[in-house]
Protein backbone atom coordinates (compact mmCIF):
# COMPACT_ATOMS: atom_id res chain seq x y z
CA MET A 1 54.09 -25.30 -6.81
CA PHE A 2 52.96 -27.86 -7.29
CA ARG A 3 49.54 -27.09 -5.83
CA ILE A 4 49.63 -24.34 -7.92
CA PHE A 5 49.69 -26.30 -11.00
CA ALA A 6 47.07 -28.83 -10.24
CA ILE A 7 44.53 -25.96 -9.21
CA THR A 8 45.41 -24.62 -12.27
CA PHE A 9 45.17 -27.50 -14.59
CA PHE A 10 41.58 -28.99 -12.68
CA ALA A 11 39.93 -25.66 -12.82
CA PHE A 12 40.81 -25.53 -17.18
CA CYS A 13 39.43 -29.35 -17.17
CA CYS A 14 36.39 -27.70 -15.40
CA PHE A 15 36.60 -24.82 -17.55
CA SER A 16 37.10 -26.19 -20.48
CA SER A 17 33.93 -28.84 -19.33
CA LYS A 18 31.73 -26.58 -19.03
CA THR A 19 32.48 -24.72 -22.22
CA PHE A 20 32.08 -27.71 -24.24
CA CYS A 21 28.62 -29.02 -22.76
CA GLN A 22 27.40 -25.19 -23.82
CA ASP A 23 28.69 -26.00 -27.62
CA LYS A 24 25.83 -29.19 -27.61
CA ASP A 25 22.67 -29.31 -27.42
CA SER A 26 21.44 -31.86 -24.38
CA ILE A 27 18.86 -33.09 -22.52
CA ILE A 28 18.13 -35.03 -19.15
CA LEU A 29 15.43 -37.14 -18.76
CA TYR A 30 13.55 -37.80 -15.05
CA ASN A 31 15.16 -40.94 -15.07
CA GLY A 32 18.95 -39.27 -15.22
CA GLN A 33 19.72 -40.03 -18.60
CA VAL A 34 21.74 -37.79 -20.42
CA LEU A 35 21.57 -36.90 -24.34
CA ILE A 36 24.22 -34.75 -26.18
CA GLY A 37 24.04 -33.66 -29.35
CA PRO A 38 22.30 -31.36 -31.77
CA VAL A 39 18.61 -31.16 -31.64
CA LYS A 40 16.59 -31.59 -35.05
CA GLY A 41 13.72 -30.70 -34.14
CA ALA A 42 10.48 -31.69 -32.87
CA ASN A 43 6.24 -32.56 -33.74
CA LEU A 44 3.42 -33.99 -31.77
CA GLY A 45 5.01 -34.75 -28.69
CA LEU A 46 8.21 -35.86 -29.93
CA ILE A 47 11.52 -33.99 -30.07
CA SER A 48 14.72 -36.32 -32.25
CA ILE A 49 17.96 -35.38 -31.19
CA ASP A 50 21.85 -37.31 -32.73
CA ASP A 51 23.01 -38.67 -29.70
CA ILE A 52 26.38 -38.07 -29.70
CA ASP A 53 26.96 -41.87 -28.23
CA LEU A 54 23.93 -43.67 -29.47
CA LYS A 55 22.09 -42.70 -32.64
CA MET A 56 18.96 -40.49 -33.61
CA LEU A 57 16.65 -41.03 -30.87
CA ASN A 58 13.17 -39.83 -30.80
CA VAL A 59 12.19 -38.13 -27.36
CA LYS A 60 8.65 -38.29 -25.43
CA LEU A 61 8.48 -34.57 -24.50
CA ILE A 62 6.24 -35.22 -21.39
CA LYS A 63 10.08 -37.93 -20.29
CA ILE A 64 12.31 -34.40 -20.55
CA LYS A 65 13.27 -32.28 -16.88
CA THR A 66 15.71 -30.03 -18.56
CA LEU A 67 16.39 -29.24 -22.58
CA VAL A 68 18.52 -26.85 -23.57
CA ILE A 69 19.29 -25.88 -27.63
CA GLN A 70 21.65 -23.42 -28.47
CA GLU A 71 20.50 -23.22 -32.32
CA ARG A 72 18.55 -21.22 -33.49
CA PHE A 73 14.37 -22.98 -33.42
CA LYS A 74 10.57 -21.46 -34.63
CA VAL A 75 8.64 -22.48 -31.52
CA GLU A 76 5.18 -23.24 -32.28
CA THR A 77 3.04 -23.49 -29.23
CA VAL A 78 0.15 -25.84 -27.92
CA ASP A 79 -1.74 -21.96 -27.49
CA LYS A 80 -0.72 -20.86 -30.52
CA ARG A 81 2.61 -18.89 -30.52
CA ILE A 82 4.83 -18.76 -32.84
CA LEU A 83 8.87 -17.88 -30.74
CA TYR A 84 11.59 -17.60 -33.02
CA GLY A 85 14.90 -18.24 -31.00
CA SER A 86 17.24 -20.65 -28.84
CA LEU A 87 16.11 -22.53 -25.99
CA LYS A 88 17.99 -22.44 -22.00
CA THR A 89 17.25 -25.33 -19.00
CA SER A 90 14.75 -23.19 -16.71
CA GLY A 91 15.18 -22.67 -12.16
CA LYS A 92 12.42 -24.65 -12.39
CA GLU A 93 12.07 -29.24 -13.41
CA GLY A 94 10.62 -29.49 -17.27
CA TRP A 95 10.73 -25.12 -17.45
CA VAL A 96 12.60 -24.08 -20.98
CA ASP A 97 13.79 -20.56 -21.56
CA ILE A 98 13.26 -19.52 -24.27
CA TYR A 99 15.60 -16.25 -25.66
CA THR A 100 13.89 -14.85 -28.13
CA VAL A 101 16.58 -12.77 -31.77
CA ASP A 102 14.84 -9.92 -29.75
CA GLY A 103 16.38 -10.67 -26.07
CA LYS A 104 13.58 -11.31 -24.49
CA SER A 105 13.90 -14.13 -22.61
CA ILE A 106 9.90 -16.52 -22.43
CA PRO A 107 9.20 -19.48 -19.96
CA ILE A 108 7.49 -21.89 -21.58
CA HIS A 109 7.12 -26.21 -20.00
CA ILE A 110 8.59 -28.74 -22.31
CA THR A 111 5.41 -30.16 -22.50
CA GLN A 112 3.68 -26.68 -24.08
CA ILE A 113 5.68 -26.51 -26.93
CA TYR A 114 3.84 -28.22 -30.04
CA GLN A 115 6.72 -28.18 -33.18
CA LEU A 116 9.98 -27.39 -33.28
CA ILE A 117 11.44 -26.77 -36.64
CA SER A 118 14.75 -25.67 -37.15
CA LEU A 119 15.93 -22.66 -38.88
CA ASP A 120 19.84 -24.76 -39.09
CA ASN A 121 21.28 -23.87 -43.13
CA ASN A 122 21.87 -28.13 -43.75
CA PHE A 123 18.89 -29.01 -45.86
CA PHE A 124 19.44 -32.71 -44.07
CA LYS A 125 18.83 -32.06 -41.32
CA ARG A 126 15.40 -30.46 -41.49
CA LEU A 127 13.93 -33.79 -42.66
CA ASN A 128 11.98 -35.81 -40.84
CA GLY A 129 9.36 -38.72 -42.24
CA ASN A 130 8.62 -42.37 -42.82
CA VAL A 131 7.92 -44.76 -45.83
CA ALA A 132 5.45 -47.90 -45.54
CA ALA A 133 5.22 -50.91 -47.19
CA GLY A 134 2.82 -53.84 -46.84
CA LEU A 135 -0.62 -55.62 -47.99
CA SER A 136 -4.23 -54.18 -48.83
CA PHE A 137 -7.04 -54.80 -50.05
CA THR A 138 -9.57 -52.43 -52.49
CA LYS A 139 -13.02 -53.04 -53.84
CA SER A 140 -11.22 -52.79 -57.97
CA SER A 141 -9.11 -55.66 -57.27
CA GLY A 142 -11.27 -57.76 -55.15
CA ILE A 143 -7.09 -59.39 -54.29
CA GLY A 144 -4.91 -59.51 -52.38
CA GLN A 145 -2.19 -56.09 -53.11
CA VAL A 146 0.75 -54.02 -52.47
CA ASN A 147 0.89 -51.04 -51.49
CA PHE A 148 3.80 -48.03 -51.07
CA SER A 149 4.35 -44.26 -48.94
CA ALA A 150 6.03 -41.84 -47.78
CA ASN A 151 5.54 -38.50 -46.12
CA VAL A 152 8.54 -35.90 -46.10
CA LYS A 153 8.31 -32.50 -44.06
CA PHE A 154 10.71 -30.13 -44.57
CA ALA A 155 10.41 -26.68 -42.75
CA THR A 156 11.87 -23.17 -43.03
CA LYS A 157 11.32 -20.16 -41.23
CA ILE A 158 9.03 -18.13 -44.39
CA LEU A 159 7.60 -22.07 -45.21
CA ASP A 160 6.12 -25.53 -44.07
CA TYR A 161 6.69 -27.85 -47.16
CA GLN A 162 4.86 -31.63 -46.82
CA LEU A 163 5.15 -34.20 -49.56
CA SER A 164 3.37 -37.85 -49.30
CA ALA A 165 3.45 -40.12 -51.82
CA SER A 166 1.59 -43.34 -52.01
CA THR A 167 0.85 -46.41 -54.81
CA ILE A 168 -1.72 -49.50 -54.75
CA ALA A 169 -0.65 -52.21 -56.83
CA SER A 170 -2.59 -55.32 -57.79
CA ILE A 171 -0.59 -59.11 -59.90
CA ASP A 172 -3.00 -60.99 -60.79
CA SER A 173 -1.70 -64.00 -63.14
CA GLY A 174 1.36 -61.95 -63.96
CA ARG A 175 -0.35 -58.83 -64.72
CA TYR A 176 0.98 -55.65 -63.46
CA SER A 177 -1.77 -53.32 -62.22
CA ARG A 178 -1.27 -49.74 -60.33
CA ASP A 179 -5.16 -49.25 -59.31
CA ASN A 180 -4.57 -46.21 -57.09
CA GLU A 181 -1.99 -43.40 -57.40
CA ASN A 182 -1.11 -40.27 -55.43
CA LEU A 183 1.59 -37.96 -55.00
CA GLN A 184 1.22 -34.45 -53.34
CA LEU A 185 3.03 -31.68 -52.32
CA PHE A 186 1.58 -29.62 -49.74
CA VAL A 187 2.85 -25.81 -48.49
CA THR A 188 1.76 -23.85 -46.02
CA HIS A 189 2.89 -19.66 -44.33
CA ASP A 190 1.99 -18.59 -41.72
CA LEU A 191 0.66 -15.02 -41.03
CA THR A 192 -1.04 -15.59 -37.67
CA PRO A 193 0.27 -18.35 -35.44
CA VAL A 194 -3.84 -19.60 -36.43
CA TRP A 195 -3.84 -18.16 -39.45
CA PHE A 196 -1.49 -19.24 -42.87
CA LEU A 197 -1.57 -18.62 -46.52
CA ALA A 198 -1.70 -22.73 -48.17
CA GLY A 199 -1.06 -23.97 -51.79
CA SER A 200 -0.37 -27.28 -53.37
CA GLY A 201 0.76 -29.67 -56.18
CA GLN A 202 -1.19 -32.98 -56.65
CA TYR A 203 -1.24 -35.89 -59.25
CA GLN A 204 -4.08 -38.57 -58.80
CA ARG A 205 -4.85 -41.92 -60.65
CA ASN A 206 -8.00 -43.84 -59.64
CA LEU A 207 -8.90 -47.08 -61.98
CA GLU A 208 -12.17 -47.67 -59.45
CA LEU A 209 -13.87 -44.66 -60.50
CA SER A 210 -11.71 -44.12 -63.83
CA ILE A 211 -9.32 -41.74 -63.23
CA SER A 212 -6.15 -42.67 -65.70
CA ARG A 213 -4.68 -39.33 -64.62
CA ARG A 214 -5.44 -35.97 -62.76
CA TYR A 215 -3.60 -33.08 -62.19
CA LEU A 216 -4.64 -30.38 -58.98
CA GLY A 217 -3.55 -26.88 -57.60
CA LEU A 218 -5.08 -25.29 -54.64
CA ILE A 219 -4.36 -21.96 -54.20
CA GLY A 220 -5.59 -20.52 -50.06
CA GLY A 221 -5.94 -20.21 -47.19
CA GLY A 222 -6.25 -22.02 -43.55
CA ASN A 223 -6.70 -22.05 -39.69
CA ASN A 224 -5.69 -23.70 -37.00
CA LEU A 225 -9.14 -25.26 -35.37
CA VAL A 226 -7.61 -26.37 -32.20
CA ILE A 227 -4.08 -26.48 -31.00
CA LYS A 228 -3.89 -29.28 -27.28
CA LYS A 229 -0.52 -31.23 -25.57
CA ASN A 230 -1.63 -34.47 -27.71
CA LEU A 231 -3.57 -32.97 -31.16
CA ARG A 232 -3.92 -30.90 -33.43
CA LEU A 233 -7.02 -30.27 -35.79
CA PHE A 234 -7.20 -27.58 -39.01
CA ALA A 235 -9.65 -26.41 -42.09
CA VAL A 236 -8.87 -25.12 -45.81
CA THR A 237 -10.73 -24.05 -47.64
CA GLY A 238 -9.73 -22.07 -51.20
CA ILE A 239 -10.07 -22.78 -55.20
CA THR A 240 -8.63 -25.77 -56.77
CA PHE A 241 -7.97 -25.96 -60.57
CA SER A 242 -7.53 -29.32 -62.42
CA GLN A 243 -7.01 -31.37 -65.82
CA GLU A 244 -7.85 -35.08 -65.40
CA LYS A 245 -7.67 -38.02 -67.80
CA SER A 246 -10.07 -41.11 -68.02
CA THR A 247 -9.79 -44.45 -68.53
CA GLU A 248 -10.92 -44.48 -72.33
CA GLY A 249 -8.64 -41.59 -73.20
CA ILE A 250 -10.95 -38.84 -72.72
CA ALA A 251 -9.23 -35.31 -71.14
CA SER A 252 -11.29 -32.64 -69.79
CA GLY A 253 -10.65 -29.64 -69.80
CA LEU A 254 -9.86 -26.76 -67.04
CA LEU A 255 -11.92 -27.58 -63.87
CA PHE A 256 -12.52 -25.52 -61.29
CA GLU A 257 -13.69 -26.28 -57.28
CA VAL A 258 -14.09 -25.20 -54.27
CA PRO A 259 -12.19 -27.91 -51.45
CA VAL A 260 -13.00 -27.97 -48.03
CA MET A 261 -10.53 -29.54 -46.11
CA LEU A 262 -9.84 -30.95 -42.76
CA GLN A 263 -6.84 -32.53 -41.18
CA PHE A 264 -6.70 -34.59 -37.99
CA ASN A 265 -3.78 -35.46 -36.46
CA PHE A 266 -4.05 -37.47 -32.66
CA TYR A 267 -0.63 -39.16 -30.56
CA GLN A 268 -0.67 -40.97 -27.30
CA PHE A 269 2.80 -41.77 -25.90
CA HIS A 270 1.55 -43.68 -22.89
CA SER A 271 0.71 -47.77 -23.02
CA PRO A 272 -0.77 -47.89 -26.28
CA ASP A 273 2.43 -45.55 -27.78
CA ILE A 274 -0.17 -44.67 -30.90
CA GLN A 275 -0.50 -42.24 -33.85
CA ILE A 276 -3.67 -40.93 -35.42
CA SER A 277 -3.94 -38.54 -38.88
CA SER A 278 -6.88 -37.95 -40.93
CA THR A 279 -7.34 -36.20 -43.59
CA GLN A 280 -10.71 -35.11 -45.67
CA THR A 281 -11.78 -33.54 -48.32
CA VAL A 282 -14.75 -32.54 -50.49
CA TYR A 283 -14.92 -30.35 -52.82
CA PHE A 284 -17.94 -28.57 -55.00
CA SER A 285 -17.35 -27.99 -58.56
CA LEU A 286 -17.54 -24.83 -60.12
CA SER A 287 -17.30 -26.18 -63.98
CA GLN A 288 -19.95 -29.01 -63.08
CA GLN A 289 -23.36 -28.44 -61.33
CA GLY A 290 -23.67 -30.64 -59.37
CA ARG A 291 -20.50 -32.52 -59.11
CA ILE A 292 -19.22 -33.26 -55.49
CA ARG A 293 -16.29 -34.87 -54.90
CA TYR A 294 -14.65 -36.10 -51.14
CA ASP A 295 -11.33 -37.61 -50.45
CA GLY A 296 -10.44 -38.96 -47.51
CA SER A 297 -7.63 -41.11 -45.96
CA THR A 298 -7.40 -42.00 -42.52
CA ASN A 299 -3.59 -43.26 -41.11
CA PHE A 300 -3.60 -45.40 -37.77
CA SER A 301 -0.35 -45.67 -36.69
CA TRP A 302 0.70 -48.10 -33.58
CA GLN A 303 4.54 -48.19 -32.71
CA LEU A 304 5.88 -51.94 -32.21
CA ILE A 305 9.85 -51.58 -31.45
CA ARG A 306 11.10 -47.89 -31.76
CA TYR A 307 11.50 -46.38 -35.21
CA PHE A 308 9.06 -49.22 -36.69
CA TYR A 309 5.54 -49.52 -36.79
CA LEU A 310 2.41 -50.77 -37.47
CA ASN A 311 -0.35 -48.69 -39.67
CA ILE A 312 -3.72 -49.01 -40.89
CA ASN A 313 -5.29 -46.79 -43.20
CA PRO A 314 -8.86 -47.05 -44.94
CA TYR A 315 -9.33 -45.15 -47.17
CA THR A 316 -12.79 -43.60 -49.12
CA ASN A 317 -13.24 -42.40 -52.85
CA PHE A 318 -16.25 -40.84 -53.96
CA ASP A 319 -17.04 -38.60 -57.22
CA SER A 320 -20.60 -38.09 -57.75
CA LYS A 321 -20.25 -37.99 -61.87
CA PRO A 322 -17.67 -39.66 -62.20
CA PRO A 323 -15.74 -40.14 -66.22
CA ALA A 324 -17.91 -41.52 -68.86
CA GLY A 325 -16.72 -45.15 -68.73
CA SER A 326 -17.06 -45.66 -65.39
CA SER A 327 -19.70 -47.92 -63.29
CA SER A 328 -19.08 -46.72 -60.16
CA THR A 329 -19.08 -43.57 -57.59
CA PHE A 330 -17.66 -44.53 -54.99
CA ASP A 331 -14.31 -46.21 -54.15
CA PHE A 332 -13.07 -47.78 -50.72
CA GLY A 333 -9.97 -49.42 -49.51
CA LEU A 334 -7.65 -50.93 -46.69
CA VAL A 335 -3.77 -50.33 -46.38
CA VAL A 336 -2.34 -52.96 -43.60
CA GLY A 337 1.34 -52.06 -43.23
CA LEU A 338 4.84 -51.57 -41.48
CA SER A 339 6.10 -48.71 -41.33
CA TYR A 340 10.23 -46.80 -40.47
CA LYS A 341 9.88 -43.25 -39.04
CA PHE A 342 12.93 -41.31 -39.54
């Protein structure tokens, strides 16, 4: 009787343990380490998991031997496919099977995953980004300045959102000057794995080019030109409408432009661990003959420890016909700071 009870209890424990593991997302690394907890998402070669015994961790895809995700995700692959479903372990190391909503099983190598977007209803589970602060130098002041920036991404099954903000200010003899500010909400909707619709709303301030404030909206579309394991390049164009006010208080009417935007993302998780993000945009005016504007910004991130990165951010702005009162058509700067990624 005791033997029967012991066997039954042991079987129940094994079944319960197996059931518990199946209810949790899990990651097994090639070095044998096991991580268990909800997976938040993946982007640019990193997958985020909230481990039950540790904390929120970012794991490199190249380190993963086995991956199991119970919740449904939007999966974007390097070969420009978009799939919806859960991810289960495959019979081969480094591979997963994606079980789609229509019951199909699609095998894929883990490193072929470009992006995982949670379809969970929890708002905070879908957030990821970084905040940074530091010192900078700009042509407009010629003195040391302080800066702050933030970048947050949020995605749903229908839309992808990216909110970015940055400010550069100088303090000279107790006087606080807001030299350069930028706030943008960029939204995309996938039509196919390659083509997407795009829209944005933006606020800008640049004292070097005599812009007290500019409000700008964009409607258009884009194309994923290149998607590889460690890089992405896409282009966006359409039409923008804006209204600006100069530092002399002169407001323009409604201005229309045709933008051509290129955005490039690159990452390398071997030594050194670096990430590069660059956005370059040229605006051709439809309202002011001959006016051409250019906004360019590049961010180099070098990992120091875990979630902290050294950021180097050169930027350039050009306006062939800036508002009246401006003595310059060109502005540039270099921002150096420390960022925390979440």
